[in-house]
Amino acid sequence: MGGAVTAIENGFQKREIENSAYKISQEIDKRERIVVGVNDFLTENDVAPILHKLDPKVGNEQRVRLAEHRAQRNNNQVTSALAEISKVAGSTENVMPALKAAIKVGATVGEICDALRAVWGVYRSSEAF
């Protein structure tokens, strides 16, 4: 096959995992594979789980806190720190010191991630089959 990298590029591992998952799912559905509480040994008194519902107030409170945070920091320092992240991310330098400096001046996780995405892009898994 040419080694692990070639196998990944050709989608071999992904295909094997998907085929295995499909086979196991079929075995469970046909009850050839028993999964306690899923397809056998069920109780009549099973209670549906209580799902946590988000309070819309929490999101609004977070937006207010973020706006306050951004208003209180030195935006020139943040802009400079984010530019440094972009510069370092495009090189072979260690990006950690630039990340720490950006955090110290109040850059948000979202802003830092945006700076990294601008240089490195976003990973998209291949759909090779």
N, C-alpha and C. Protein backbone atom coordinates (compact mmCIF):
# COMPACT_ATOMS: atom_id res chain seq x y z
N MET A 1 0.82 -1.19 0.00
CA MET A 1 0.00 0.00 0.00
C MET A 1 0.86 1.25 0.00
N GLY A 2 2.09 1.17 0.50
CA GLY A 2 2.96 2.33 0.45
C GLY A 2 3.15 3.03 1.78
N GLY A 3 2.69 2.47 2.85
CA GLY A 3 2.90 3.07 4.17
C GLY A 3 1.66 3.78 4.70
N ALA A 4 1.78 4.25 5.94
CA ALA A 4 0.64 4.84 6.63
C ALA A 4 0.16 6.13 5.97
N VAL A 5 1.09 6.97 5.56
CA VAL A 5 0.69 8.25 4.95
C VAL A 5 -0.10 8.01 3.67
N THR A 6 0.38 7.12 2.83
CA THR A 6 -0.32 6.80 1.59
C THR A 6 -1.69 6.20 1.89
N ALA A 7 -1.74 5.34 2.90
CA ALA A 7 -3.02 4.73 3.28
C ALA A 7 -4.01 5.79 3.74
N ILE A 8 -3.55 6.77 4.51
CA ILE A 8 -4.42 7.85 4.96
C ILE A 8 -4.88 8.68 3.77
N GLU A 9 -3.94 9.05 2.91
CA GLU A 9 -4.28 9.86 1.73
C GLU A 9 -5.28 9.16 0.82
N ASN A 10 -5.20 7.84 0.75
CA ASN A 10 -6.12 7.07 -0.08
C ASN A 10 -7.41 6.73 0.64
N GLY A 11 -7.52 7.13 1.91
CA GLY A 11 -8.75 6.91 2.66
C GLY A 11 -8.90 5.51 3.22
N PHE A 12 -7.81 4.73 3.24
CA PHE A 12 -7.91 3.35 3.69
C PHE A 12 -8.38 3.24 5.13
N GLN A 13 -7.72 3.96 6.07
CA GLN A 13 -8.09 3.85 7.47
C GLN A 13 -9.54 4.29 7.70
N LYS A 14 -9.90 5.41 7.10
CA LYS A 14 -11.26 5.92 7.27
C LYS A 14 -12.28 4.90 6.76
N ARG A 15 -12.00 4.34 5.61
CA ARG A 15 -12.90 3.35 5.02
C ARG A 15 -13.02 2.12 5.93
N GLU A 16 -11.90 1.66 6.48
CA GLU A 16 -11.93 0.49 7.36
C GLU A 16 -12.73 0.77 8.63
N ILE A 17 -12.55 1.96 9.20
CA ILE A 17 -13.31 2.34 10.41
C ILE A 17 -14.79 2.41 10.09
N GLU A 18 -15.14 3.05 8.97
CA GLU A 18 -16.55 3.17 8.60
C GLU A 18 -17.17 1.80 8.33
N ASN A 19 -16.45 0.94 7.63
CA ASN A 19 -16.97 -0.41 7.36
C ASN A 19 -17.17 -1.19 8.64
N SER A 20 -16.21 -1.08 9.55
CA SER A 20 -16.32 -1.78 10.83
C SER A 20 -17.50 -1.25 11.64
N ALA A 21 -17.65 0.07 11.68
CA ALA A 21 -18.77 0.66 12.43
C ALA A 21 -20.10 0.23 11.83
N TYR A 22 -20.19 0.19 10.51
CA TYR A 22 -21.42 -0.22 9.84
C TYR A 22 -21.74 -1.68 10.17
N LYS A 23 -20.71 -2.53 10.11
CA LYS A 23 -20.90 -3.96 10.40
C LYS A 23 -21.39 -4.15 11.84
N ILE A 24 -20.77 -3.45 12.77
CA ILE A 24 -21.17 -3.57 14.18
C ILE A 24 -22.60 -3.07 14.36
N SER A 25 -22.93 -1.96 13.72
CA SER A 25 -24.29 -1.41 13.82
C SER A 25 -25.32 -2.41 13.29
N GLN A 26 -25.00 -3.06 12.18
CA GLN A 26 -25.90 -4.06 11.62
C GLN A 26 -26.06 -5.25 12.57
N GLU A 27 -24.96 -5.68 13.18
CA GLU A 27 -25.01 -6.79 14.14
C GLU A 27 -25.89 -6.44 15.34
N ILE A 28 -25.80 -5.21 15.79
CA ILE A 28 -26.62 -4.77 16.93
C ILE A 28 -28.08 -4.73 16.51
N ASP A 29 -28.35 -4.17 15.35
CA ASP A 29 -29.73 -4.09 14.87
C ASP A 29 -30.36 -5.47 14.69
N LYS A 30 -29.57 -6.45 14.23
CA LYS A 30 -30.07 -7.81 14.00
C LYS A 30 -30.00 -8.66 15.27
N ARG A 31 -29.52 -8.05 16.36
CA ARG A 31 -29.36 -8.73 17.65
C ARG A 31 -28.35 -9.88 17.57
N GLU A 32 -27.43 -9.80 16.63
CA GLU A 32 -26.33 -10.76 16.58
C GLU A 32 -25.26 -10.35 17.58
N ARG A 33 -25.27 -9.09 17.96
CA ARG A 33 -24.35 -8.55 18.96
C ARG A 33 -25.25 -7.90 20.01
N ILE A 34 -25.13 -8.36 21.25
CA ILE A 34 -25.97 -7.84 22.33
C ILE A 34 -25.27 -6.68 23.01
N VAL A 35 -26.02 -5.60 23.17
CA VAL A 35 -25.55 -4.44 23.92
C VAL A 35 -26.59 -4.19 25.01
N VAL A 36 -26.19 -4.44 26.23
CA VAL A 36 -27.10 -4.33 27.36
C VAL A 36 -27.68 -2.92 27.43
N GLY A 37 -29.00 -2.88 27.51
CA GLY A 37 -29.70 -1.60 27.62
C GLY A 37 -29.99 -0.96 26.28
N VAL A 38 -29.44 -1.53 25.20
CA VAL A 38 -29.69 -0.98 23.86
C VAL A 38 -30.59 -1.91 23.07
N ASN A 39 -30.17 -3.18 22.95
CA ASN A 39 -30.99 -4.12 22.19
C ASN A 39 -31.36 -5.37 22.98
N ASP A 40 -31.04 -5.39 24.25
CA ASP A 40 -31.43 -6.50 25.12
C ASP A 40 -31.32 -6.05 26.58
N PHE A 41 -31.96 -6.80 27.44
CA PHE A 41 -31.97 -6.51 28.87
C PHE A 41 -32.47 -5.10 29.15
N LEU A 42 -33.51 -4.74 28.41
CA LEU A 42 -34.14 -3.44 28.62
C LEU A 42 -35.13 -3.57 29.77
N THR A 43 -35.32 -2.52 30.50
CA THR A 43 -36.32 -2.53 31.57
C THR A 43 -37.53 -1.72 31.12
N GLU A 44 -38.68 -2.10 31.64
CA GLU A 44 -39.90 -1.39 31.28
C GLU A 44 -39.94 -0.02 31.95
N ASN A 45 -39.16 0.15 32.97
CA ASN A 45 -39.19 1.40 33.73
C ASN A 45 -38.10 2.37 33.31
N ASP A 46 -37.52 2.15 32.14
CA ASP A 46 -36.48 3.08 31.68
C ASP A 46 -37.05 4.49 31.62
N VAL A 47 -36.33 5.40 32.21
CA VAL A 47 -36.76 6.79 32.25
C VAL A 47 -35.92 7.57 31.25
N ALA A 48 -36.59 8.37 30.46
CA ALA A 48 -35.85 9.20 29.50
C ALA A 48 -34.96 10.17 30.27
N PRO A 49 -33.77 10.40 29.78
CA PRO A 49 -32.87 11.32 30.49
C PRO A 49 -33.43 12.74 30.50
N ILE A 50 -33.13 13.44 31.56
CA ILE A 50 -33.54 14.84 31.65
C ILE A 50 -32.47 15.66 30.93
N LEU A 51 -32.88 16.31 29.87
CA LEU A 51 -31.93 17.10 29.09
C LEU A 51 -31.84 18.50 29.65
N HIS A 52 -30.63 18.99 29.70
CA HIS A 52 -30.39 20.34 30.20
C HIS A 52 -30.81 21.35 29.14
N LYS A 53 -31.62 22.29 29.53
CA LYS A 53 -32.04 23.34 28.60
C LYS A 53 -31.30 24.62 28.95
N LEU A 54 -30.73 25.23 27.94
CA LEU A 54 -29.98 26.45 28.16
C LEU A 54 -30.92 27.61 28.42
N ASP A 55 -30.55 28.41 29.37
CA ASP A 55 -31.30 29.62 29.68
C ASP A 55 -30.81 30.71 28.74
N PRO A 56 -31.70 31.32 27.93
CA PRO A 56 -31.26 32.35 27.00
C PRO A 56 -30.60 33.54 27.70
N LYS A 57 -30.91 33.75 28.97
CA LYS A 57 -30.29 34.85 29.72
C LYS A 57 -28.78 34.67 29.80
N VAL A 58 -28.33 33.43 29.89
CA VAL A 58 -26.90 33.16 30.04
C VAL A 58 -26.14 33.68 28.82
N GLY A 59 -26.65 33.42 27.63
CA GLY A 59 -26.01 33.90 26.41
C GLY A 59 -25.94 35.41 26.38
N ASN A 60 -27.03 36.05 26.79
CA ASN A 60 -27.05 37.52 26.81
C ASN A 60 -26.06 38.06 27.83
N GLU A 61 -25.98 37.42 29.00
CA GLU A 61 -25.03 37.84 30.03
C GLU A 61 -23.59 37.71 29.53
N GLN A 62 -23.31 36.62 28.81
CA GLN A 62 -21.96 36.42 28.28
C GLN A 62 -21.61 37.49 27.25
N ARG A 63 -22.59 37.86 26.40
CA ARG A 63 -22.34 38.91 25.42
C ARG A 63 -22.01 40.24 26.10
N VAL A 64 -22.73 40.53 27.19
CA VAL A 64 -22.48 41.76 27.94
C VAL A 64 -21.08 41.72 28.55
N ARG A 65 -20.72 40.58 29.16
CA ARG A 65 -19.40 40.44 29.77
C ARG A 65 -18.29 40.59 28.73
N LEU A 66 -18.50 40.02 27.55
CA LEU A 66 -17.50 40.13 26.48
C LEU A 66 -17.35 41.58 26.04
N ALA A 67 -18.47 42.27 25.89
CA ALA A 67 -18.41 43.68 25.48
C ALA A 67 -17.68 44.51 26.53
N GLU A 68 -17.94 44.24 27.81
CA GLU A 68 -17.25 44.95 28.90
C GLU A 68 -15.75 44.65 28.86
N HIS A 69 -15.41 43.39 28.66
CA HIS A 69 -14.00 42.99 28.59
C HIS A 69 -13.29 43.74 27.47
N ARG A 70 -13.92 43.76 26.30
CA ARG A 70 -13.30 44.43 25.15
C ARG A 70 -13.19 45.94 25.36
N ALA A 71 -14.14 46.51 26.08
CA ALA A 71 -14.11 47.96 26.33
C ALA A 71 -13.00 48.34 27.31
N GLN A 72 -12.63 47.43 28.22
CA GLN A 72 -11.67 47.73 29.27
C GLN A 72 -10.22 47.45 28.87
N ARG A 73 -9.99 46.71 27.83
CA ARG A 73 -8.62 46.36 27.44
C ARG A 73 -8.04 47.41 26.49
N ASN A 74 -6.75 47.32 26.28
CA ASN A 74 -6.07 48.20 25.33
C ASN A 74 -6.12 47.52 23.96
N ASN A 75 -7.01 48.01 23.10
CA ASN A 75 -7.21 47.35 21.80
C ASN A 75 -6.00 47.45 20.89
N ASN A 76 -5.18 48.49 21.06
CA ASN A 76 -3.95 48.58 20.26
C ASN A 76 -2.99 47.44 20.61
N GLN A 77 -2.89 47.14 21.91
CA GLN A 77 -2.03 46.02 22.34
C GLN A 77 -2.58 44.70 21.82
N VAL A 78 -3.90 44.54 21.86
CA VAL A 78 -4.51 43.30 21.37
C VAL A 78 -4.25 43.13 19.87
N THR A 79 -4.46 44.20 19.11
CA THR A 79 -4.23 44.15 17.67
C THR A 79 -2.78 43.78 17.36
N SER A 80 -1.86 44.38 18.11
CA SER A 80 -0.44 44.09 17.92
C SER A 80 -0.13 42.63 18.27
N ALA A 81 -0.70 42.15 19.37
CA ALA A 81 -0.46 40.76 19.79
C ALA A 81 -1.03 39.77 18.78
N LEU A 82 -2.20 40.07 18.23
CA LEU A 82 -2.79 39.18 17.23
C LEU A 82 -1.97 39.18 15.94
N ALA A 83 -1.43 40.34 15.58
CA ALA A 83 -0.55 40.41 14.40
C ALA A 83 0.70 39.58 14.62
N GLU A 84 1.22 39.59 15.84
CA GLU A 84 2.40 38.78 16.17
C GLU A 84 2.07 37.29 16.06
N ILE A 85 0.89 36.90 16.52
CA ILE A 85 0.48 35.50 16.38
C ILE A 85 0.48 35.11 14.90
N SER A 86 -0.12 35.95 14.07
CA SER A 86 -0.17 35.66 12.63
C SER A 86 1.22 35.54 12.04
N LYS A 87 2.11 36.44 12.43
CA LYS A 87 3.48 36.42 11.92
C LYS A 87 4.19 35.13 12.33
N VAL A 88 4.12 34.81 13.61
CA VAL A 88 4.81 33.62 14.12
C VAL A 88 4.19 32.34 13.56
N ALA A 89 2.87 32.31 13.44
CA ALA A 89 2.20 31.11 12.92
C ALA A 89 2.61 30.82 11.48
N GLY A 90 3.00 31.85 10.75
CA GLY A 90 3.44 31.66 9.38
C GLY A 90 4.91 31.31 9.26
N SER A 91 5.57 31.15 10.39
CA SER A 91 7.00 30.81 10.39
C SER A 91 7.20 29.46 11.07
N THR A 92 8.45 29.15 11.35
CA THR A 92 8.75 27.91 12.07
C THR A 92 8.98 28.17 13.55
N GLU A 93 8.73 29.41 13.99
CA GLU A 93 8.93 29.76 15.40
C GLU A 93 7.87 29.11 16.29
N ASN A 94 8.19 29.04 17.57
CA ASN A 94 7.25 28.54 18.57
C ASN A 94 6.14 29.57 18.75
N VAL A 95 4.91 29.18 18.57
CA VAL A 95 3.78 30.11 18.64
C VAL A 95 3.33 30.37 20.08
N MET A 96 3.74 29.53 21.02
CA MET A 96 3.26 29.64 22.41
C MET A 96 3.56 30.99 23.06
N PRO A 97 4.76 31.54 22.95
CA PRO A 97 5.00 32.85 23.57
C PRO A 97 4.07 33.94 23.03
N ALA A 98 3.79 33.91 21.74
CA ALA A 98 2.88 34.89 21.15
C ALA A 98 1.46 34.69 21.67
N LEU A 99 1.06 33.44 21.84
CA LEU A 99 -0.27 33.16 22.39
C LEU A 99 -0.39 33.68 23.82
N LYS A 100 0.64 33.41 24.62
CA LYS A 100 0.63 33.87 26.02
C LYS A 100 0.58 35.40 26.09
N ALA A 101 1.32 36.06 25.22
CA ALA A 101 1.33 37.53 25.21
C ALA A 101 -0.04 38.08 24.84
N ALA A 102 -0.70 37.44 23.89
CA ALA A 102 -2.03 37.89 23.47
C ALA A 102 -3.05 37.71 24.60
N ILE A 103 -2.93 36.61 25.31
CA ILE A 103 -3.84 36.36 26.43
C ILE A 103 -3.62 37.40 27.52
N LYS A 104 -2.36 37.72 27.80
CA LYS A 104 -2.05 38.69 28.85
C LYS A 104 -2.63 40.07 28.56
N VAL A 105 -2.73 40.46 27.28
CA VAL A 105 -3.27 41.78 26.97
C VAL A 105 -4.78 41.75 26.73
N GLY A 106 -5.38 40.56 26.89
CA GLY A 106 -6.84 40.48 26.85
C GLY A 106 -7.47 40.00 25.57
N ALA A 107 -6.69 39.41 24.67
CA ALA A 107 -7.29 38.85 23.45
C ALA A 107 -8.19 37.69 23.84
N THR A 108 -9.29 37.54 23.13
CA THR A 108 -10.21 36.45 23.42
C THR A 108 -9.79 35.19 22.67
N VAL A 109 -10.32 34.06 23.11
CA VAL A 109 -10.02 32.79 22.44
C VAL A 109 -10.47 32.87 20.98
N GLY A 110 -11.63 33.45 20.74
CA GLY A 110 -12.13 33.58 19.37
C GLY A 110 -11.21 34.41 18.50
N GLU A 111 -10.70 35.52 19.03
CA GLU A 111 -9.79 36.37 18.26
C GLU A 111 -8.49 35.64 17.96
N ILE A 112 -7.98 34.91 18.94
CA ILE A 112 -6.75 34.15 18.75
C ILE A 112 -6.96 33.07 17.69
N CYS A 113 -8.07 32.36 17.79
CA CYS A 113 -8.37 31.31 16.80
C CYS A 113 -8.53 31.89 15.40
N ASP A 114 -9.16 33.06 15.30
CA ASP A 114 -9.30 33.71 14.00
C ASP A 114 -7.94 34.03 13.40
N ALA A 115 -7.01 34.50 14.24
CA ALA A 115 -5.66 34.82 13.76
C ALA A 115 -4.96 33.55 13.27
N LEU A 116 -5.11 32.46 13.99
CA LEU A 116 -4.49 31.20 13.57
C LEU A 116 -5.15 30.65 12.31
N ARG A 117 -6.47 30.72 12.25
CA ARG A 117 -7.18 30.24 11.06
C ARG A 117 -6.78 31.00 9.80
N ALA A 118 -6.53 32.30 9.96
CA ALA A 118 -6.14 33.12 8.81
C ALA A 118 -4.83 32.63 8.20
N VAL A 119 -3.97 32.05 9.03
CA VAL A 119 -2.68 31.56 8.54
C VAL A 119 -2.75 30.07 8.19
N TRP A 120 -3.30 29.27 9.08
CA TRP A 120 -3.28 27.82 8.93
C TRP A 120 -4.51 27.25 8.22
N GLY A 121 -5.58 28.03 8.16
CA GLY A 121 -6.81 27.52 7.57
C GLY A 121 -7.55 26.62 8.54
N VAL A 122 -8.53 25.91 8.02
CA VAL A 122 -9.37 25.02 8.83
C VAL A 122 -9.22 23.61 8.27
N TYR A 123 -9.01 22.65 9.15
CA TYR A 123 -8.87 21.26 8.72
C TYR A 123 -10.22 20.73 8.23
N ARG A 124 -10.21 20.13 7.10
CA ARG A 124 -11.38 19.45 6.56
C ARG A 124 -10.93 18.03 6.23
N SER A 125 -11.61 17.05 6.80
CA SER A 125 -11.21 15.67 6.54
C SER A 125 -11.49 15.35 5.08
N SER A 126 -10.63 14.52 4.53
CA SER A 126 -10.82 14.15 3.13
C SER A 126 -11.95 13.14 3.03
N GLU A 127 -12.63 13.17 1.94
CA GLU A 127 -13.71 12.22 1.70
C GLU A 127 -13.26 11.16 0.71
N ALA A 128 -11.96 10.86 0.75
CA ALA A 128 -11.40 9.89 -0.20
C ALA A 128 -11.95 8.50 0.08
N PHE A 129 -12.39 7.85 -0.96
CA PHE A 129 -12.87 6.48 -0.84
C PHE A 129 -12.28 5.65 -1.94
